[in-house]
Amino acid sequence: MPHTGEHKNPMKIFGMEPGTVCWLGYSMWPNVYLYRKKQKEAVIQGIHEYLCQFFGSSINYTILSEKKSKELPPTLKGVSSSDIWIPDGKTQEELESYFNDYPIQEYLKLSGKLNSRFIQNSVVYRSEYLKIDNCGNYGEEMLLNFKGRHLLFVNTNFRDSTIIQFLNKWKSNQGFQNVNNSVYQFASAR
């Protein structure tokens, strides 16, 4: 028996099969469509493909995943920027496989407990603009492996020796030649 407001897709709207069930949720957010969790990826892929066909490549597509999400967002083609929460349970191999499916992105923001989560030469480190929110954890590996142009850290701790190592290699052209700027946002001590 369908839920109140539930409608089966009468035709291939957004590229979804007619059996895909979506309904308009009655919530404080207007025009929020709800769907069965097992159909999440098909719904998101269908809507994204429809928008790409409608607008083409003339606009920038961005992925924004929910904070504290337990899964990564679906892999979508033609995305130039992402703001992704990295779930705790994902391994280095799973994360590398996930990010290898994307082209190198212009802007990538990653949030979560990120230290030791990526392989040393991860595709993540080649993002043009990388913003890291390490939720108060250390970020040495991410700093020392970055190969893009712009790097921004928030809520991330560093040992003094790591900052000195980074600056010495950057100044002496022994590493980080592509980096144009590196920004660290430090919390004030109380």
Protein backbone atom coordinates (compact mmCIF):
# COMPACT_ATOMS: atom_id res chain seq x y z
CA MET A 1 0.00 0.00 0.00
CA PRO A 2 1.56 3.35 -1.00
CA HIS A 3 2.31 5.99 1.63
CA THR A 4 0.32 9.22 1.61
CA GLY A 5 1.70 11.41 -1.17
CA GLU A 6 3.61 8.51 -2.74
CA HIS A 7 3.56 8.28 -6.50
CA LYS A 8 5.08 5.80 -8.89
CA ASN A 9 6.99 7.31 -11.75
CA PRO A 10 4.53 7.05 -14.71
CA MET A 11 7.30 7.33 -17.31
CA LYS A 12 11.08 7.59 -17.41
CA ILE A 13 11.27 10.96 -15.63
CA PHE A 14 14.88 11.93 -14.82
CA GLY A 15 15.95 8.68 -16.47
CA MET A 16 14.43 6.60 -13.65
CA GLU A 17 12.48 3.47 -14.39
CA PRO A 18 8.67 3.68 -14.06
CA GLY A 19 8.76 1.53 -10.91
CA THR A 20 10.92 4.01 -8.97
CA VAL A 21 8.88 5.39 -6.10
CA CYS A 22 9.25 9.03 -5.02
CA TRP A 23 6.90 11.24 -3.08
CA LEU A 24 6.75 14.85 -2.03
CA GLY A 25 7.59 14.99 1.64
CA TYR A 26 5.43 17.10 3.88
CA SER A 27 8.11 18.82 5.91
CA MET A 28 9.45 22.26 6.70
CA TRP A 29 11.46 22.12 3.45
CA PRO A 30 9.28 22.70 0.39
CA ASN A 31 9.82 20.53 -2.65
CA VAL A 32 11.75 17.81 -0.83
CA TYR A 33 11.28 14.46 -2.51
CA LEU A 34 11.65 11.32 -0.47
CA TYR A 35 12.55 7.92 -1.87
CA ARG A 36 13.33 4.46 -0.63
CA LYS A 37 16.92 4.20 0.59
CA LYS A 38 17.73 1.29 -1.72
CA GLN A 39 16.81 3.55 -4.68
CA LYS A 40 18.94 6.50 -3.54
CA GLU A 41 21.72 6.12 -6.09
CA ALA A 42 19.31 5.54 -8.99
CA VAL A 43 17.29 8.64 -8.06
CA ILE A 44 20.36 10.87 -7.69
CA GLN A 45 21.94 9.52 -10.90
CA GLY A 46 18.67 10.04 -12.78
CA ILE A 47 18.24 13.63 -11.64
CA HIS A 48 21.91 14.45 -12.32
CA GLU A 49 21.78 12.96 -15.83
CA TYR A 50 18.60 14.91 -16.57
CA LEU A 51 20.19 18.18 -15.40
CA CYS A 52 23.34 17.49 -17.45
CA GLN A 53 21.22 16.89 -20.56
CA PHE A 54 19.13 19.99 -19.89
CA PHE A 55 21.93 22.45 -18.97
CA GLY A 56 24.92 20.70 -20.54
CA SER A 57 28.44 21.40 -19.35
CA SER A 58 27.90 25.17 -19.17
CA ILE A 59 27.36 25.12 -15.40
CA ASN A 60 29.44 23.81 -12.51
CA TYR A 61 28.02 20.79 -10.72
CA THR A 62 28.81 20.37 -7.02
CA ILE A 63 28.29 17.41 -4.71
CA LEU A 64 27.41 18.20 -1.12
CA SER A 65 27.14 15.25 1.25
CA GLU A 66 25.51 15.31 4.64
CA LYS A 67 27.68 15.76 7.70
CA LYS A 68 28.04 12.56 9.70
CA SER A 69 26.72 10.51 6.77
CA LYS A 70 27.61 6.83 6.98
CA GLU A 71 28.10 6.48 3.22
CA LEU A 72 29.80 8.38 0.43
CA PRO A 73 27.64 10.16 -2.14
CA PRO A 74 27.15 8.44 -5.51
CA THR A 75 29.81 8.94 -8.16
CA LEU A 76 28.54 11.46 -10.72
CA LYS A 77 30.09 12.47 -14.04
CA GLY A 78 30.96 16.08 -14.86
CA VAL A 79 31.27 17.25 -11.25
CA SER A 80 33.89 19.96 -10.75
CA SER A 81 33.63 20.44 -6.99
CA SER A 82 32.60 18.44 -3.94
CA ASP A 83 32.04 18.93 -0.21
CA ILE A 84 32.16 15.41 1.21
CA TRP A 85 31.92 13.97 4.71
CA ILE A 86 34.22 10.93 4.92
CA PRO A 87 32.56 8.18 7.00
CA ASP A 88 34.71 6.59 9.71
CA GLY A 89 34.34 3.02 8.41
CA LYS A 90 35.88 3.55 4.94
CA THR A 91 39.31 2.04 4.26
CA GLN A 92 42.16 3.63 2.29
CA GLU A 93 41.42 1.31 -0.62
CA GLU A 94 37.70 2.14 -0.65
CA LEU A 95 38.40 5.88 -0.56
CA GLU A 96 41.02 5.71 -3.30
CA SER A 97 38.70 3.65 -5.50
CA TYR A 98 35.88 6.14 -4.90
CA PHE A 99 37.97 9.22 -5.73
CA ASN A 100 39.66 7.54 -8.72
CA ASP A 101 36.24 7.38 -10.39
CA TYR A 102 36.16 11.19 -10.48
CA PRO A 103 38.33 13.42 -12.64
CA ILE A 104 40.70 15.59 -10.63
CA GLN A 105 38.40 18.22 -9.20
CA GLU A 106 38.91 21.97 -9.13
CA TYR A 107 37.58 22.23 -5.57
CA LEU A 108 37.39 19.48 -2.99
CA LYS A 109 36.42 19.89 0.65
CA LEU A 110 36.77 16.84 2.85
CA SER A 111 35.52 16.60 6.42
CA GLY A 112 35.87 13.91 9.05
CA LYS A 113 38.68 12.14 10.87
CA LEU A 114 41.03 12.11 7.91
CA ASN A 115 44.56 11.37 9.15
CA SER A 116 45.90 8.06 7.75
CA ARG A 117 42.77 7.69 5.61
CA PHE A 118 44.39 8.21 2.18
CA ILE A 119 47.31 6.51 0.44
CA GLN A 120 50.49 8.58 0.08
CA ASN A 121 50.00 9.42 -3.61
CA SER A 122 46.20 9.66 -3.47
CA VAL A 123 44.32 11.38 -6.29
CA VAL A 124 42.78 13.55 -3.54
CA TYR A 125 46.14 15.32 -3.08
CA ARG A 126 46.12 16.41 -6.75
CA SER A 127 42.94 18.49 -6.38
CA GLU A 128 43.50 22.07 -7.54
CA TYR A 129 41.93 23.49 -4.38
CA LEU A 130 41.75 21.26 -1.30
CA LYS A 131 40.00 22.25 1.92
CA ILE A 132 40.39 19.93 4.89
CA ASP A 133 38.25 19.93 8.03
CA ASN A 134 39.94 17.27 10.13
CA CYS A 135 37.59 17.72 13.12
CA GLY A 136 40.41 18.56 15.54
CA ASN A 137 42.71 15.71 14.50
CA TYR A 138 46.26 15.89 13.12
CA GLY A 139 46.78 16.60 9.41
CA GLU A 140 50.48 15.96 8.81
CA GLU A 141 50.03 13.39 6.04
CA MET A 142 47.65 15.62 4.10
CA LEU A 143 49.95 18.63 4.35
CA LEU A 144 53.10 16.76 3.32
CA ASN A 145 51.46 14.86 0.41
CA PHE A 146 49.54 17.75 -1.20
CA LYS A 147 50.34 18.37 -4.89
CA GLY A 148 47.66 20.90 -5.89
CA ARG A 149 47.77 24.71 -5.81
CA HIS A 150 45.63 25.89 -2.90
CA LEU A 151 45.41 24.19 0.47
CA LEU A 152 43.21 25.25 3.39
CA PHE A 153 43.02 23.55 6.77
CA VAL A 154 40.33 24.17 9.38
CA ASN A 155 39.95 22.33 12.69
CA THR A 156 43.23 20.54 12.03
CA ASN A 157 46.24 20.19 14.35
CA PHE A 158 49.92 20.09 13.37
CA ARG A 159 53.17 19.48 15.16
CA ASP A 160 55.61 22.40 14.90
CA SER A 161 58.18 20.15 13.23
CA THR A 162 55.71 19.32 10.42
CA ILE A 163 55.03 22.99 9.64
CA ILE A 164 58.77 23.72 9.64
CA GLN A 165 59.45 20.72 7.36
CA PHE A 166 56.74 21.87 4.92
CA LEU A 167 57.98 25.49 4.84
CA ASN A 168 61.64 24.49 4.41
CA LYS A 169 60.85 22.14 1.49
CA TRP A 170 58.60 24.74 -0.12
CA LYS A 171 61.15 27.57 0.26
CA SER A 172 64.07 25.47 -1.05
CA ASN A 173 62.06 24.06 -4.02
CA GLN A 174 62.49 20.50 -2.71
CA GLY A 175 58.75 20.01 -2.77
CA PHE A 176 55.38 21.66 -3.16
CA GLN A 177 56.34 23.58 -6.34
CA ASN A 178 52.69 23.76 -7.46
CA VAL A 179 51.45 25.26 -4.20
CA ASN A 180 50.41 28.91 -4.56
CA ASN A 181 49.07 29.29 -1.05
CA SER A 182 48.54 27.29 2.07
CA VAL A 183 46.21 28.55 4.79
CA TYR A 184 45.81 27.26 8.33
CA GLN A 185 42.94 28.36 10.51
CA PHE A 186 43.90 27.92 14.14
CA ALA A 187 41.47 27.92 17.04
CA SER A 188 42.24 30.47 19.71
CA ALA A 189 43.35 29.13 23.08
CA ARG A 190 41.19 30.11 26.05
